[in-house]
C-alpha atoms as a PDB file:
ATOM      1  CA  MET A   1      -5.999 -11.985   7.371  1.00  0.00           C
ATOM      2  CA  GLN A   2      -2.019 -11.515   7.453  1.00  0.00           C
ATOM      3  CA  LEU A   3      -0.549  -8.634   6.876  1.00  0.00           C
ATOM      4  CA  VAL A   4       2.981  -7.761   5.958  1.00  0.00           C
ATOM      5  CA  VAL A   5       4.715  -4.833   4.976  1.00  0.00           C
ATOM      6  CA  TYR A   6       7.648  -4.604   1.924  1.00  0.00           C
ATOM      7  CA  PRO A   7      11.405  -2.971   2.858  1.00  0.00           C
ATOM      8  CA  CYS A   8      11.838  -4.697  -0.251  1.00  0.00           C
ATOM      9  CA  PRO A   9       8.913  -4.645  -2.652  1.00  0.00           C
ATOM     10  CA  TRP A  10       9.316  -7.613  -5.232  1.00  0.00           C
ATOM     11  CA  LEU A  11       9.163  -9.400  -2.314  1.00  0.00           C
ATOM     12  CA  VAL A  12       5.034  -9.303  -2.762  1.00  0.00           C
ATOM     13  CA  THR A  13       3.313 -12.508  -1.313  1.00  0.00           C
ATOM     14  CA  GLU A  14       1.320 -13.290  -3.368  1.00  0.00           C
ATOM     15  CA  ASP A  15      -1.846 -15.411  -1.290  1.00  0.00           C
ATOM     16  CA  PRO A  16      -5.032 -13.558  -1.298  1.00  0.00           C
ATOM     17  CA  ASN A  17      -4.800 -13.782   2.950  1.00  0.00           C
ATOM     18  CA  VAL A  18      -1.805 -11.563   3.060  1.00  0.00           C
ATOM     19  CA  LEU A  19      -2.344  -7.700   3.012  1.00  0.00           C
ATOM     20  CA  ASN A  20       0.956  -6.204   1.451  1.00  0.00           C
ATOM     21  CA  LEU A  21       2.037  -2.333   2.360  1.00  0.00           C
ATOM     22  CA  VAL A  22       4.072  -1.482   0.196  1.00  0.00           C
ATOM     23  CA  ASP A  23       6.327   1.515  -0.418  1.00  0.00           C
ATOM     24  CA  ARG A  24       5.346   4.831  -2.092  1.00  0.00           C
ATOM     25  CA  GLY A  25       8.758   4.202  -4.004  1.00  0.00           C
ATOM     26  CA  TYR A  26       7.230   1.415  -5.793  1.00  0.00           C
ATOM     27  CA  VAL A  27       5.121   2.584  -8.810  1.00  0.00           C
ATOM     28  CA  ASP A  28       3.886  -0.463 -11.180  1.00  0.00           C
ATOM     29  CA  TYR A  29       0.587   0.242 -12.901  1.00  0.00           C
ATOM     30  CA  ARG A  30       1.555  -3.269 -15.186  1.00  0.00           C
ATOM     31  CA  GLU A  31       2.335  -4.840 -11.528  1.00  0.00           C
ATOM     32  CA  PHE A  32      -0.988  -3.453  -9.917  1.00  0.00           C
ATOM     33  CA  ASP A  33      -2.824  -4.860 -12.248  1.00  0.00           C
ATOM     34  CA  ARG A  34      -1.215  -8.358 -12.196  1.00  0.00           C
ATOM     35  CA  TYR A  35      -1.751  -7.982  -8.221  1.00  0.00           C
ATOM     36  CA  SER A  36      -5.842  -7.245  -9.132  1.00  0.00           C
ATOM     37  CA  ALA A  37      -6.069 -10.133 -11.726  1.00  0.00           C
ATOM     38  CA  LYS A  38      -4.495 -12.844  -9.221  1.00  0.00           C
ATOM     39  CA  SER A  39      -6.649 -11.457  -6.185  1.00  0.00           C
ATOM     40  CA  ILE A  40      -3.118 -10.433  -4.598  1.00  0.00           C
ATOM     41  CA  ARG A  41      -4.386  -7.296  -1.681  1.00  0.00           C
ATOM     42  CA  PHE A  42      -2.421  -3.937  -1.418  1.00  0.00           C
ATOM     43  CA  ILE A  43      -1.856  -0.933  -0.267  1.00  0.00           C
ATOM     44  CA  THR A  44       0.410   1.794  -1.040  1.00  0.00           C
ATOM     45  CA  ARG A  45       1.437   5.744  -1.735  1.00  0.00           C
ATOM     46  CA  LEU A  46       0.652   7.444  -5.084  1.00  0.00           C
ATOM     47  CA  LYS A  47       3.197   9.885  -5.741  1.00  0.00           C
ATOM     48  CA  SER A  48       1.650  13.533  -6.573  1.00  0.00           C
ATOM     49  CA  ASN A  49       2.259  13.379 -10.246  1.00  0.00           C
ATOM     50  CA  ALA A  50       0.450  10.028 -10.511  1.00  0.00           C
ATOM     51  CA  ASP A  51      -2.104   9.334 -13.906  1.00  0.00           C
ATOM     52  CA  ILE A  52      -5.947   8.887 -12.045  1.00  0.00           C
ATOM     53  CA  HIS A  53      -8.907   8.562 -14.076  1.00  0.00           C
ATOM     54  CA  VAL A  54     -11.785   8.277 -11.308  1.00  0.00           C
ATOM     55  CA  ILE A  55     -14.913   6.443 -12.176  1.00  0.00           C
ATOM     56  CA  GLU A  56     -16.848   6.977  -9.292  1.00  0.00           C
ATOM     57  CA  GLU A  57     -16.584   9.642  -6.529  1.00  0.00           C
ATOM     58  CA  ARG A  58     -17.387   7.748  -2.865  1.00  0.00           C
ATOM     59  CA  PRO A  59     -19.115   9.929  -0.346  1.00  0.00           C
ATOM     60  CA  VAL A  60     -16.892   9.830   2.941  1.00  0.00           C
ATOM     61  CA  ASP A  61     -18.078  10.702   6.567  1.00  0.00           C
ATOM     62  CA  PRO A  62     -16.687  14.431   7.248  1.00  0.00           C
ATOM     63  CA  GLN A  63     -15.847  13.187  10.253  1.00  0.00           C
ATOM     64  CA  SER A  64     -13.817   9.996   9.427  1.00  0.00           C
ATOM     65  CA  GLY A  65     -10.576  12.190   8.923  1.00  0.00           C
ATOM     66  CA  ILE A  66     -11.329  11.070   5.442  1.00  0.00           C
ATOM     67  CA  LEU A  67     -11.154  14.059   2.864  1.00  0.00           C
ATOM     68  CA  ARG A  68     -12.044  11.513  -0.255  1.00  0.00           C
ATOM     69  CA  GLU A  69     -12.817   7.721  -1.769  1.00  0.00           C
ATOM     70  CA  ALA A  70     -13.004   7.556  -5.250  1.00  0.00           C
ATOM     71  CA  VAL A  71     -13.127   4.312  -7.611  1.00  0.00           C
ATOM     72  CA  VAL A  72      -9.823   4.842 -10.056  1.00  0.00           C
ATOM     73  CA  ARG A  73      -8.159   3.763 -12.518  1.00  0.00           C
ATOM     74  CA  LEU A  74      -4.020   4.567 -12.953  1.00  0.00           C
ATOM     75  CA  GLY A  75      -2.235   5.800 -16.002  1.00  0.00           C
ATOM     76  CA  ASN A  76      -2.826   6.705 -19.243  1.00  0.00           C
ATOM     77  CA  LYS A  77      -3.428   5.689 -23.060  1.00  0.00           C
ATOM     78  CA  ASN A  78      -0.152   6.803 -23.792  1.00  0.00           C
ATOM     79  CA  THR A  79       1.987   4.192 -21.487  1.00  0.00           C
ATOM     80  CA  TYR A  80       0.196   1.699 -19.469  1.00  0.00           C
ATOM     81  CA  LEU A  81      -3.540   2.622 -18.583  1.00  0.00           C
ATOM     82  CA  MET A  82      -4.601  -0.294 -15.716  1.00  0.00           C
ATOM     83  CA  GLU A  83      -7.973  -2.656 -16.410  1.00  0.00           C
ATOM     84  CA  HIS A  84      -8.787  -3.164 -13.016  1.00  0.00           C
ATOM     85  CA  PRO A  85     -10.408  -0.119 -10.876  1.00  0.00           C
ATOM     86  CA  LEU A  86      -8.777   0.759  -7.287  1.00  0.00           C
ATOM     87  CA  ARG A  87     -10.188   2.228  -4.026  1.00  0.00           C
ATOM     88  CA  LEU A  88      -8.039   5.966  -3.713  1.00  0.00           C
ATOM     89  CA  ILE A  89      -7.916   7.607  -0.059  1.00  0.00           C
ATOM     90  CA  GLU A  90      -7.123  10.559   0.907  1.00  0.00           C
ATOM     91  CA  CYS A  91      -6.246  11.717   4.158  1.00  0.00           C
ATOM     92  CA  LEU A  92      -3.547  13.876   6.078  1.00  0.00           C
ATOM     93  CA  ASP A  93      -0.911  12.376   7.241  1.00  0.00           C
ATOM     94  CA  LYS A  94       0.260  14.028  10.759  1.00  0.00           C
ATOM     95  CA  GLU A  95       2.527  17.274   9.234  1.00  0.00           C
ATOM     96  CA  GLY A  96      -1.405  18.494   6.816  1.00  0.00           C
ATOM     97  CA  ASN A  97      -0.052  17.356   4.052  1.00  0.00           C
ATOM     98  CA  ARG A  98      -2.472  15.308   1.827  1.00  0.00           C
ATOM     99  CA  VAL A  99      -1.812  11.409   1.358  1.00  0.00           C
ATOM    100  CA  MET A 100      -3.011   9.408  -1.417  1.00  0.00           C
ATOM    101  CA  ILE A 101      -3.060   6.010  -0.599  1.00  0.00           C
ATOM    102  CA  ILE A 102      -4.696   3.353  -3.368  1.00  0.00           C
ATOM    103  CA  THR A 103      -5.307  -0.505  -2.673  1.00  0.00           C
ATOM    104  CA  ASN A 104      -7.506  -2.941  -4.891  1.00  0.00           C
ATOM    105  CA  ASP A 105      -8.839  -4.062  -1.513  1.00  0.00           C
ATOM    106  CA  PHE A 106     -12.719  -2.915  -1.100  1.00  0.00           C
ATOM    107  CA  ASN A 107     -13.863  -4.563   2.162  1.00  0.00           C
ATOM    108  CA  LEU A 108     -11.668  -2.629   4.295  1.00  0.00           C
ATOM    109  CA  SER A 109     -13.507   0.814   5.699  1.00  0.00           C
ATOM    110  CA  GLU A 110     -11.363   4.263   4.302  1.00  0.00           C
ATOM    111  CA  GLU A 111     -10.434   4.145   8.173  1.00  0.00           C
ATOM    112  CA  GLU A 112      -8.578   0.980   8.158  1.00  0.00           C
ATOM    113  CA  ILE A 113      -6.687   2.077   5.576  1.00  0.00           C
ATOM    114  CA  GLY A 114      -5.311   4.866   6.100  1.00  0.00           C
ATOM    115  CA  ASP A 115      -4.461   3.229   9.608  1.00  0.00           C
ATOM    116  CA  LEU A 116      -2.880   0.966   8.937  1.00  0.00           C
ATOM    117  CA  TYR A 117      -0.623   3.216   6.226  1.00  0.00           C
ATOM    118  CA  ARG A 118      -0.413   5.400   8.653  1.00  0.00           C
ATOM    119  CA  ASN A 119       1.272   2.718  10.947  1.00  0.00           C
ATOM    120  CA  ARG A 120       3.614   1.432   8.530  1.00  0.00           C
ATOM    121  CA  TRP A 121       5.722   4.165   9.391  1.00  0.00           C
ATOM    122  CA  GLN A 122       6.452   2.199  12.612  1.00  0.00           C
ATOM    123  CA  ILE A 123       7.299  -0.774  10.955  1.00  0.00           C
ATOM    124  CA  GLU A 124       9.119   0.797   8.607  1.00  0.00           C
ATOM    125  CA  LEU A 125      11.700   2.523  11.503  1.00  0.00           C
ATOM    126  CA  PHE A 126      11.700  -1.217  13.203  1.00  0.00           C
ATOM    127  CA  PHE A 127      13.570  -1.777   9.362  1.00  0.00           C
ATOM    128  CA  LYS A 128      15.728   0.564   9.826  1.00  0.00           C
ATOM    129  CA  TRP A 129      17.096  -0.397  12.802  1.00  0.00           C
ATOM    130  CA  ILE A 130      16.758  -3.788  12.006  1.00  0.00           C
ATOM    131  CA  LYS A 131      19.018  -2.486   8.009  1.00  0.00           C
ATOM    132  CA  GLN A 132      21.464  -0.450  10.237  1.00  0.00           C
ATOM    133  CA  HIS A 133      22.116  -3.268  13.648  1.00  0.00           C
ATOM    134  CA  LEU A 134      21.604  -6.099  11.724  1.00  0.00           C
ATOM    135  CA  HIS A 135      23.611  -5.130   8.292  1.00  0.00           C
ATOM    136  CA  VAL A 136      20.713  -6.301   6.699  1.00  0.00           C
ATOM    137  CA  ALA A 137      19.565  -5.512   4.057  1.00  0.00           C
ATOM    138  CA  CYS A 138      16.855  -7.496   2.747  1.00  0.00           C
ATOM    139  CA  TRP A 139      14.780 -10.148   4.100  1.00  0.00           C
ATOM    140  CA  LYS A 140      11.434 -12.343   4.157  1.00  0.00           C
ATOM    141  CA  CYS A 141       9.816 -13.324   6.776  1.00  0.00           C
ATOM    142  CA  LEU A 142       5.621 -14.343   7.259  1.00  0.00           C
ATOM    143  CA  SER A 143       6.311 -14.832  11.010  1.00  0.00           C
ATOM    144  CA  ILE A 144       8.215 -13.086  14.303  1.00  0.00           C
ATOM    145  CA  CYS A 145      10.204 -16.915  14.449  1.00  0.00           C
ATOM    146  CA  GLY A 146      11.520 -16.025  10.231  1.00  0.00           C
ATOM    147  CA  LEU A 147      12.729 -12.474  12.328  1.00  0.00           C
ATOM    148  CA  ALA A 148      14.384 -13.797  14.983  1.00  0.00           C
ATOM    149  CA  GLY A 149      16.220 -16.282  12.939  1.00  0.00           C
ATOM    150  CA  LYS A 150      17.625 -14.079  11.032  1.00  0.00           C
ATOM    151  CA  GLY A 151      20.095 -12.266  13.619  1.00  0.00           C
ATOM    152  CA  HIS A 152      21.524 -15.971  14.619  1.00  0.00           C
END
């Protein structure tokens, strides 16, 4: 599996072997449905005002640090209600705030999903440093060689 983190959410890789980690500022239920229909895997964080319709609550291990797992659909009938179900994982961030993460990957464990999204922040800090010091606004690269080539 390849892991791709995007500072530019419109560059989602449409490859079923890639797991896209997308910023929470990018929430588009139609696109999430399109990704799910095309087996484009993603993980993102939901905003607190998201329209969540629970299909099924799933049990979680109280020792895992995961507060909740559910199968959900997002949206509403007045705007757009998703066709495809997603997994909702709730956990706490380092400051103790509740975080809602969604994904269309039903194979990863809850802990893996939480860890991937949590560790995403370190990658965001790296992109911030690159933008500030190399004056690069946005790019897409799928290897370390692609990243190295951006500095030339």
